[in-house]
Amino acid sequence: MAEADIDINRKFEAEPRVADYVVDADVHVTPPPTFWAEYLSPKFRDLAPKLEEGNDCDYVVFEGNRRPINLMQSQAGRTFDKYKGSGKQSDMRSGGWMVPQRLDDMDRDGIDKAVCFGGGPLGTGNLDLYLDSFDAFNRWQSDFCKDSGGRMYACAYLTTVDVDHTIKGMRAAKARGDVAVNLPAFPQSVSQFTKEGAVWQAMTGDATGDRQYRDPEFDPMWAAAVELDLPITFHLGARTSRFKDKTNFLCDLPMGKPAMLEMINILLYSGVFDRFPALRVGLIESGVGWIPWACEYMDRAWEMQRHWTEVPNKEKPSFYFDQNVYASFIEDPVGVELRHKSGAKNIMWSSDYPHSETTFPHSHKAIARNFVGVPKAERDWILAGCAEKFFGLK
C-alpha cells in the first residue's frame, strides 16, 4: 500500500485482552493549532498560531515562521515502515484531540483509563506569551479529559521560571482536577530563554544554570506538592533527542532513559526526600530496566563516599526509590523481570499513544510479551495498581 493511501483513522478490530483492567500511565494529546486562539488569554489571542492548508502538507504559521505540521507525535495507526515526519492535519489520528475517537481507540486497544501528558508550549521569544501558553494548553487538556467520562486524567505542564508562579500553577491544576504536574528536568533560566529553545526548555530547563532543585528556593514547591497530594513528574527531559535528524535520532533515543537519573539524584542527595517524605516523583517514559543496576551501584557508592561528601540523605539511595520514586515503561521485559529488585517496585506500564513508540493498536500483545510468567497479582499491580496509587486515581 502506498503511503498516500493509508487511512490513518481506520478502525482496528479489538484484540483479545491479556488483563481485565489496564491503567495507561502515559498517553498524549495532539490538539490542532487552531485551539490556541480560543484558550490563550484574550490579550494574546491575536498572536495565536494559524493553520494554513497546503496540497501535500499543512502549515503552522506563527510569528513570521511557516513550518509543516509535525507528525512524529501522531504515528498511531501507521505501521513502522510507513512512518511520516510531516504532512496534513488529516494525517494525524483524530483520537489525539477528539474525545469520542479517543475513547473508541481505548476500547479497541483494551485500555480502561489513561493519564494524559500534553505540554505545549508555544515556541515564542515573548516570555509573557510563553508562560500564558502553558496555562492555555493545560486548560484545553483538562477540558479534554473532563469530557472522557472519568477515563482520562490530565497532567499539567508547568514552568519553573519563578517558584511562586509554579505553585500557583499547581493549585490551578488541582482545582481543575488534574492528577499530576510535570516539571522541566532542571529549573529554567530566564537568562537562557530564547525563541529557538523555548519548547525544549519546557522539557529540559537549564542543566547548567545557577538554580537547581536542591536549592532551598524550591522547598515551598515540594511542600505544596505534598499539601495538595499532587505527584511531580519528569518526562524524558534530561537529554533531548534530535528527532528530525535521521543520523542521530536512534543514537540519542536510548540515552534519554537513564539520563532521568540525574534530576532524581539532585533531590535524593540533597535531602529533599527526607524533608518531604510524602513527596511522589515519577520518571515518565524513562524505561525501568536500568534502575535496579543504578540503585545497587548508588547504594555501594553512598556507603563508601557519603562521609567525605557530607551528603545529608539519611537512607541509602534505593530506599528513596522504593519510597518516593515511580517510573513508567512502554516495552521493557528486562525491567519487569527485575521487578523485585530495589528501584523497580513502583513501575507502571504505558502505551505512549499516539507517539512514534506507541503500542497501539496492539497493546495487549505488547503486554503479553512483557509479562511472560508474571503472576496475575504482580501483573495487575504494574498494569493498574501502581499508577492508581501514584496518580491518586479513584
Protein backbone atom coordinates (compact mmCIF):
# COMPACT_ATOMS: atom_id res chain seq x y z
CA MET A 1 0.00 0.00 0.00
CA ALA A 2 1.39 3.40 -0.91
CA GLU A 3 1.83 5.81 1.97
CA ALA A 4 -0.64 8.26 0.44
CA ASP A 5 -3.34 5.55 0.53
CA ILE A 6 -3.13 4.94 4.28
CA ASP A 7 -6.32 5.78 6.14
CA ILE A 8 -4.73 6.95 9.38
CA ASN A 9 -8.10 6.94 11.12
CA ARG A 10 -9.19 3.49 10.06
CA LYS A 11 -10.73 1.37 12.78
CA PHE A 12 -8.94 -1.64 14.20
CA GLU A 13 -10.54 -4.82 15.41
CA ALA A 14 -10.25 -5.28 19.17
CA GLU A 15 -7.75 -7.99 20.02
CA PRO A 16 -8.07 -10.44 22.94
CA ARG A 17 -7.27 -8.88 26.28
CA VAL A 18 -4.46 -10.22 28.43
CA ALA A 19 -5.51 -8.26 31.52
CA ASP A 20 -9.02 -7.40 32.66
CA TYR A 21 -8.17 -3.87 33.80
CA VAL A 22 -5.45 -1.55 32.46
CA VAL A 23 -4.49 1.97 33.51
CA ASP A 24 -2.22 3.53 30.90
CA ALA A 25 0.32 5.69 32.76
CA ASP A 26 1.35 7.84 29.79
CA VAL A 27 -0.65 8.94 26.77
CA HIS A 28 -0.65 12.22 24.87
CA VAL A 29 -2.87 14.72 23.12
CA THR A 30 -2.23 16.47 19.82
CA PRO A 31 -4.66 19.39 19.52
CA PRO A 32 -4.81 21.25 16.21
CA PRO A 33 -3.07 24.64 16.32
CA THR A 34 -6.42 26.40 15.99
CA PHE A 35 -7.16 25.76 19.67
CA TRP A 36 -4.70 28.46 20.76
CA ALA A 37 -6.98 31.27 19.58
CA GLU A 38 -9.65 30.06 22.00
CA TYR A 39 -7.55 29.22 25.05
CA LEU A 40 -4.87 31.88 25.20
CA SER A 41 -5.63 34.90 27.37
CA PRO A 42 -7.64 37.49 25.40
CA LYS A 43 -4.70 39.88 25.12
CA PHE A 44 -2.66 37.22 23.29
CA ARG A 45 -5.28 35.69 21.00
CA ASP A 46 -4.42 37.88 18.03
CA LEU A 47 -0.91 36.40 18.24
CA ALA A 48 -2.11 32.79 18.18
CA PRO A 49 -0.76 30.34 15.59
CA LYS A 50 -2.85 29.78 12.49
CA LEU A 51 -3.30 26.70 10.33
CA GLU A 52 -2.61 27.10 6.64
CA GLU A 53 -3.66 24.27 4.36
CA GLY A 54 -1.40 23.09 1.55
CA ASN A 55 -1.55 20.43 -1.12
CA ASP A 56 0.72 17.80 0.43
CA CYS A 57 1.27 19.45 3.79
CA ASP A 58 -0.49 21.77 6.22
CA TYR A 59 1.48 24.51 7.91
CA VAL A 60 1.53 26.20 11.29
CA VAL A 61 2.03 29.91 10.80
CA PHE A 62 3.33 31.73 13.88
CA GLU A 63 5.47 34.79 14.50
CA GLY A 64 6.61 35.04 10.90
CA ASN A 65 7.50 31.34 10.61
CA ARG A 66 5.72 28.76 8.47
CA ARG A 67 6.51 25.16 9.35
CA PRO A 68 4.95 21.85 8.27
CA ILE A 69 2.81 20.03 10.80
CA ASN A 70 4.98 17.56 12.72
CA LEU A 71 3.59 14.05 12.55
CA MET A 72 6.11 12.21 14.73
CA GLN A 73 3.87 12.94 17.69
CA SER A 74 0.98 11.18 15.94
CA GLN A 75 2.07 7.90 14.36
CA ALA A 76 -0.68 5.77 15.90
CA GLY A 77 -2.39 3.89 13.09
CA ARG A 78 0.75 3.59 10.95
CA THR A 79 2.95 0.54 10.60
CA PHE A 80 6.63 1.09 11.34
CA ASP A 81 7.58 1.10 7.67
CA LYS A 82 5.06 3.86 6.92
CA TYR A 83 6.19 6.50 9.43
CA LYS A 84 5.82 10.02 8.15
CA GLY A 85 7.57 13.09 9.57
CA SER A 86 5.30 15.85 8.33
CA GLY A 87 2.05 16.22 6.46
CA LYS A 88 -1.52 17.36 6.79
CA GLN A 89 -3.77 17.60 9.85
CA SER A 90 -5.77 14.76 8.33
CA ASP A 91 -2.62 12.59 8.54
CA MET A 92 -2.90 12.65 12.34
CA ARG A 93 -5.04 10.20 14.26
CA SER A 94 -8.06 12.17 15.43
CA GLY A 95 -8.08 10.49 18.84
CA GLY A 96 -5.31 12.95 19.67
CA TRP A 97 -7.87 15.72 20.09
CA MET A 98 -11.37 14.26 19.65
CA VAL A 99 -12.73 12.58 22.76
CA PRO A 100 -15.17 10.10 21.15
CA GLN A 101 -12.46 8.86 18.78
CA ARG A 102 -10.00 8.56 21.67
CA LEU A 103 -12.43 6.53 23.74
CA ASP A 104 -13.10 4.28 20.77
CA ASP A 105 -9.36 3.76 20.32
CA MET A 106 -9.02 2.96 24.02
CA ASP A 107 -11.84 0.42 23.79
CA ARG A 108 -10.32 -1.27 20.76
CA ASP A 109 -6.86 -1.30 22.37
CA GLY A 110 -8.09 -2.61 25.73
CA ILE A 111 -7.28 0.49 27.82
CA ASP A 112 -9.65 1.30 30.67
CA LYS A 113 -8.15 4.55 32.00
CA ALA A 114 -5.24 6.73 30.99
CA VAL A 115 -3.16 9.64 32.29
CA CYS A 116 -2.66 12.31 29.69
CA PHE A 117 0.50 14.37 29.10
CA GLY A 118 0.32 17.28 26.70
CA GLY A 119 2.76 20.10 27.10
CA GLY A 120 2.57 22.87 24.60
CA PRO A 121 4.09 25.47 24.95
CA LEU A 122 4.45 27.99 22.16
CA GLY A 123 7.88 28.45 20.60
CA THR A 124 7.99 32.17 21.18
CA GLY A 125 10.57 34.65 22.39
CA ASN A 126 7.83 36.60 24.18
CA LEU A 127 8.17 35.40 27.79
CA ASP A 128 4.70 36.56 28.84
CA LEU A 129 3.09 34.78 25.89
CA TYR A 130 5.23 31.72 26.61
CA LEU A 131 4.04 31.49 30.21
CA ASP A 132 0.43 32.06 29.18
CA SER A 133 0.68 29.27 26.62
CA PHE A 134 1.34 26.71 29.38
CA ASP A 135 -1.88 27.71 31.09
CA ALA A 136 -3.77 27.65 27.79
CA PHE A 137 -2.59 24.15 26.91
CA ASN A 138 -3.28 22.85 30.41
CA ARG A 139 -6.84 24.20 30.39
CA TRP A 140 -7.51 22.68 26.97
CA GLN A 141 -6.16 19.32 28.12
CA SER A 142 -8.20 19.41 31.34
CA ASP A 143 -11.36 20.08 29.34
CA PHE A 144 -10.49 17.19 27.03
CA CYS A 145 -10.12 14.82 29.98
CA LYS A 146 -13.28 16.08 31.68
CA ASP A 147 -15.28 15.02 28.64
CA SER A 148 -13.99 11.44 28.84
CA GLY A 149 -16.42 10.20 31.47
CA GLY A 150 -13.76 9.53 34.09
CA ARG A 151 -11.48 7.54 31.81
CA MET A 152 -8.77 10.12 31.19
CA TYR A 153 -6.86 12.26 33.68
CA ALA A 154 -4.65 15.24 32.96
CA CYS A 155 -1.08 16.03 33.98
CA ALA A 156 -0.36 19.76 33.74
CA TYR A 157 2.95 21.04 32.39
CA LEU A 158 4.40 23.88 34.45
CA THR A 159 7.33 26.25 34.18
CA THR A 160 9.93 26.83 36.88
CA VAL A 161 10.92 30.36 35.92
CA ASP A 162 9.54 31.52 39.26
CA VAL A 163 8.62 29.27 42.19
CA ASP A 164 5.56 31.30 43.20
CA HIS A 165 4.31 31.07 39.62
CA THR A 166 4.87 27.30 39.68
CA ILE A 167 2.95 26.89 42.93
CA LYS A 168 0.09 28.96 41.51
CA GLY A 169 0.03 26.58 38.55
CA MET A 170 -0.03 23.59 40.88
CA ARG A 171 -3.03 24.94 42.75
CA ALA A 172 -4.83 25.69 39.48
CA ALA A 173 -4.12 22.16 38.26
CA LYS A 174 -5.53 20.64 41.43
CA ALA A 175 -8.63 22.83 41.20
CA ARG A 176 -9.23 21.65 37.62
CA GLY A 177 -8.98 18.03 38.70
CA ASP A 178 -5.56 17.30 37.19
CA VAL A 179 -3.80 14.38 38.87
CA ALA A 180 -0.14 15.44 38.49
CA VAL A 181 2.13 18.23 37.31
CA ASN A 182 5.15 17.88 35.05
CA LEU A 183 8.27 19.99 35.55
CA PRO A 184 11.31 20.57 33.35
CA ALA A 185 14.16 18.20 34.19
CA PHE A 186 16.13 21.17 35.53
CA PRO A 187 14.94 24.62 36.61
CA GLN A 188 14.51 27.09 33.80
CA SER A 189 16.69 30.18 33.49
CA VAL A 190 15.20 33.39 32.15
CA SER A 191 18.69 34.44 31.10
CA GLN A 192 18.85 31.45 28.75
CA PHE A 193 15.34 31.87 27.37
CA THR A 194 15.21 32.10 23.59
CA LYS A 195 12.57 31.65 20.93
CA GLU A 196 14.58 28.81 19.38
CA GLY A 197 14.88 26.92 22.66
CA ALA A 198 11.52 27.78 24.21
CA VAL A 199 9.79 24.46 23.55
CA TRP A 200 12.74 22.30 24.60
CA GLN A 201 13.22 24.39 27.75
CA ALA A 202 9.79 23.20 28.84
CA MET A 203 11.23 19.68 28.90
CA THR A 204 14.86 20.20 29.84
CA GLY A 205 15.17 23.52 31.65
CA ASP A 206 18.77 24.63 32.13
CA ALA A 207 21.00 21.78 33.33
CA THR A 208 24.00 24.06 33.92
CA GLY A 209 22.11 27.00 35.37
CA ASP A 210 22.65 28.65 38.73
CA ARG A 211 19.38 27.21 40.10
CA GLN A 212 18.94 23.55 40.97
CA TYR A 213 16.08 21.66 42.59
CA ARG A 214 18.25 21.02 45.63
CA ASP A 215 18.15 24.73 46.50
CA PRO A 216 16.02 25.95 49.43
CA GLU A 217 14.21 28.18 46.91
CA PHE A 218 12.26 25.11 45.76
CA ASP A 219 11.25 23.75 49.16
CA PRO A 220 7.92 25.64 49.10
CA MET A 221 7.18 23.91 45.79
CA TRP A 222 7.80 20.44 47.25
CA ALA A 223 5.75 21.42 50.30
CA ALA A 224 2.87 22.48 48.06
CA ALA A 225 3.02 19.17 46.17
CA VAL A 226 2.70 17.28 49.47
CA GLU A 227 -0.05 19.58 50.75
CA LEU A 228 -2.05 19.16 47.53
CA ASP A 229 -1.28 15.42 47.30
CA LEU A 230 -0.09 16.14 43.78
CA PRO A 231 2.71 13.99 42.35
CA ILE A 232 5.54 15.55 40.34
CA THR A 233 6.60 14.04 37.03
CA PHE A 234 9.62 14.47 34.76
CA HIS A 235 9.07 13.37 31.18
CA LEU A 236 12.19 12.38 29.24
CA GLY A 237 13.70 15.82 29.63
CA ALA A 238 17.21 15.26 30.93
CA ARG A 239 18.53 14.70 27.42
CA THR A 240 16.89 15.71 24.17
CA SER A 241 16.64 13.54 21.08
CA ARG A 242 17.32 15.11 17.72
CA PHE A 243 14.05 13.76 16.37
CA LYS A 244 14.36 15.48 12.99
CA ASP A 245 17.91 14.21 12.45
CA LYS A 246 17.93 10.78 10.80
CA THR A 247 21.63 10.33 11.53
CA ASN A 248 21.47 10.94 15.28
CA PHE A 249 17.89 10.12 16.30
CA LEU A 250 18.44 6.43 17.05
CA CYS A 251 21.75 7.22 18.79
CA ASP A 252 20.04 9.76 21.02
CA LEU A 253 16.88 7.82 21.81
CA PRO A 254 18.16 5.30 24.40
CA MET A 255 20.35 7.92 26.09
CA GLY A 256 17.28 9.81 27.26
CA LYS A 257 16.17 6.97 29.53
CA PRO A 258 19.00 6.60 32.12
CA ALA A 259 19.65 10.35 31.91
CA MET A 260 16.48 10.72 34.01
CA LEU A 261 18.52 9.57 36.99
CA GLU A 262 20.30 12.90 37.27
CA MET A 263 17.41 15.04 38.48
CA ILE A 264 16.33 12.35 40.95
CA ASN A 265 19.84 12.24 42.39
CA ILE A 266 19.82 16.00 42.83
CA LEU A 267 16.74 15.58 45.03
CA LEU A 268 17.98 12.45 46.74
CA TYR A 269 21.49 13.55 47.70
CA SER A 270 20.30 16.93 48.96
CA GLY A 271 17.85 15.50 51.50
CA VAL A 272 14.67 16.64 49.73
CA PHE A 273 13.01 13.28 50.31
CA ASP A 274 13.99 13.39 53.99
CA ARG A 275 12.44 16.84 54.35
CA PHE A 276 9.36 15.80 52.35
CA PRO A 277 8.94 12.04 52.84
CA ALA A 278 5.45 12.05 51.28
CA LEU A 279 6.68 13.59 48.02
CA ARG A 280 5.98 11.36 45.00
CA VAL A 281 8.08 11.76 41.86
CA GLY A 282 7.53 9.94 38.58
CA LEU A 283 10.00 9.30 35.77
CA ILE A 284 7.70 9.06 32.79
CA GLU A 285 8.70 7.14 29.66
CA SER A 286 12.06 6.51 31.28
CA GLY A 287 12.04 2.75 31.00
CA VAL A 288 12.83 0.79 34.15
CA GLY A 289 15.35 -1.97 33.43
CA TRP A 290 18.31 0.30 34.18
CA ILE A 291 17.02 1.39 37.59
CA PRO A 292 17.92 -1.71 39.68
CA TRP A 293 21.51 -1.54 38.40
CA ALA A 294 21.63 2.17 39.25
CA CYS A 295 20.29 1.56 42.77
CA GLU A 296 22.81 -1.17 43.53
CA TYR A 297 25.66 0.97 42.26
CA MET A 298 24.49 4.07 44.14
CA ASP A 299 23.99 2.17 47.40
CA ARG A 300 27.58 0.94 47.29
CA ALA A 301 28.92 4.36 46.32
CA TRP A 302 26.91 6.02 49.10
CA GLU A 303 28.27 3.64 51.72
CA MET A 304 31.83 4.33 50.60
CA GLN A 305 31.69 8.04 49.78
CA ARG A 306 28.98 9.60 51.95
CA HIS A 307 31.24 10.66 54.80
CA TRP A 308 33.67 12.88 52.94
CA THR A 309 30.96 14.18 50.58
CA GLU A 310 28.78 15.07 53.59
CA VAL A 311 25.55 14.25 51.80
CA PRO A 312 22.57 14.83 54.11
CA ASN A 313 20.32 11.98 52.94
CA LYS A 314 19.68 9.69 55.88
CA GLU A 315 18.99 6.47 53.97
CA LYS A 316 20.68 4.66 51.13
CA PRO A 317 19.54 5.68 47.64
CA SER A 318 17.48 2.57 46.95
CA PHE A 319 15.32 3.39 49.98
CA TYR A 320 14.10 6.60 48.33
CA PHE A 321 13.47 4.86 45.03
CA ASP A 322 11.21 2.36 46.76
CA GLN A 323 9.51 5.02 48.87
CA ASN A 324 9.28 8.10 46.65
CA VAL A 325 10.13 7.32 43.02
CA TYR A 326 7.93 5.73 40.37
CA ALA A 327 8.75 5.06 36.72
CA SER A 328 6.91 4.09 33.56
CA PHE A 329 7.86 1.98 30.57
CA ILE A 330 6.39 1.02 27.22
CA GLU A 331 8.18 -2.24 26.44
CA ASP A 332 10.79 -3.35 28.97
CA PRO A 333 10.70 -7.09 29.70
CA VAL A 334 14.06 -6.83 31.49
CA GLY A 335 12.57 -4.26 33.87
CA VAL A 336 9.56 -6.49 34.50
CA GLU A 337 11.86 -9.42 35.20
CA LEU A 338 13.74 -7.28 37.76
CA ARG A 339 10.53 -6.04 39.43
CA HIS A 340 11.53 -7.41 42.85
CA LYS A 341 14.83 -5.55 42.86
CA SER A 342 15.22 -2.21 44.61
CA GLY A 343 14.11 0.64 42.41
CA ALA A 344 11.76 -1.45 40.28
CA LYS A 345 9.00 -1.99 42.78
CA ASN A 346 6.96 1.03 41.66
CA ILE A 347 6.80 0.60 37.91
CA MET A 348 3.90 1.42 35.58
CA TRP A 349 3.04 0.40 32.03
CA SER A 350 2.08 2.83 29.27
CA SER A 351 1.18 2.77 25.58
CA ASP A 352 2.56 6.23 24.67
CA TYR A 353 -0.43 6.78 22.35
CA PRO A 354 -0.25 8.33 19.76
CA HIS A 355 3.53 8.93 19.61
CA SER A 356 6.00 7.05 17.44
CA GLU A 357 6.82 4.44 20.13
CA THR A 358 3.18 3.60 20.84
CA THR A 359 1.99 0.02 21.22
CA PHE A 360 -1.43 0.98 19.78
CA PRO A 361 -3.37 -0.85 18.39
CA HIS A 362 -1.67 -3.98 19.71
CA SER A 363 -1.16 -3.05 23.36
CA HIS A 364 -2.30 -6.36 24.79
CA LYS A 365 0.11 -8.22 22.52
CA ALA A 366 2.83 -5.96 23.94
CA ILE A 367 1.60 -6.71 27.46
CA ALA A 368 1.75 -10.43 26.73
CA ARG A 369 5.36 -10.08 25.51
CA ASN A 370 6.43 -8.16 28.59
CA PHE A 371 4.69 -10.23 31.28
CA VAL A 372 5.52 -13.83 30.38
CA GLY A 373 5.34 -15.91 33.55
CA VAL A 374 4.41 -12.98 35.80
CA PRO A 375 1.76 -13.88 38.42
CA LYS A 376 -1.58 -12.13 37.90
CA ALA A 377 -1.43 -10.08 41.11
CA GLU A 378 2.01 -8.71 40.23
CA ARG A 379 0.99 -8.04 36.64
CA ASP A 380 -2.15 -6.21 37.79
CA TRP A 381 -0.06 -4.01 40.07
CA ILE A 382 2.17 -2.89 37.20
CA LEU A 383 -0.72 -2.53 34.73
CA ALA A 384 -3.05 -0.62 37.02
CA GLY A 385 -2.47 -0.60 40.79
CA CYS A 386 0.82 1.28 40.78
CA ALA A 387 -0.48 4.05 38.52
CA GLU A 388 -3.64 4.37 40.60
CA LYS A 389 -1.51 4.79 43.71
CA PHE A 390 0.95 7.25 42.18
CA PHE A 391 -1.65 9.47 40.49
CA GLY A 392 -4.24 9.08 43.26
CA LEU A 393 -6.92 7.79 40.90
CA LYS A 394 -10.25 6.89 42.35
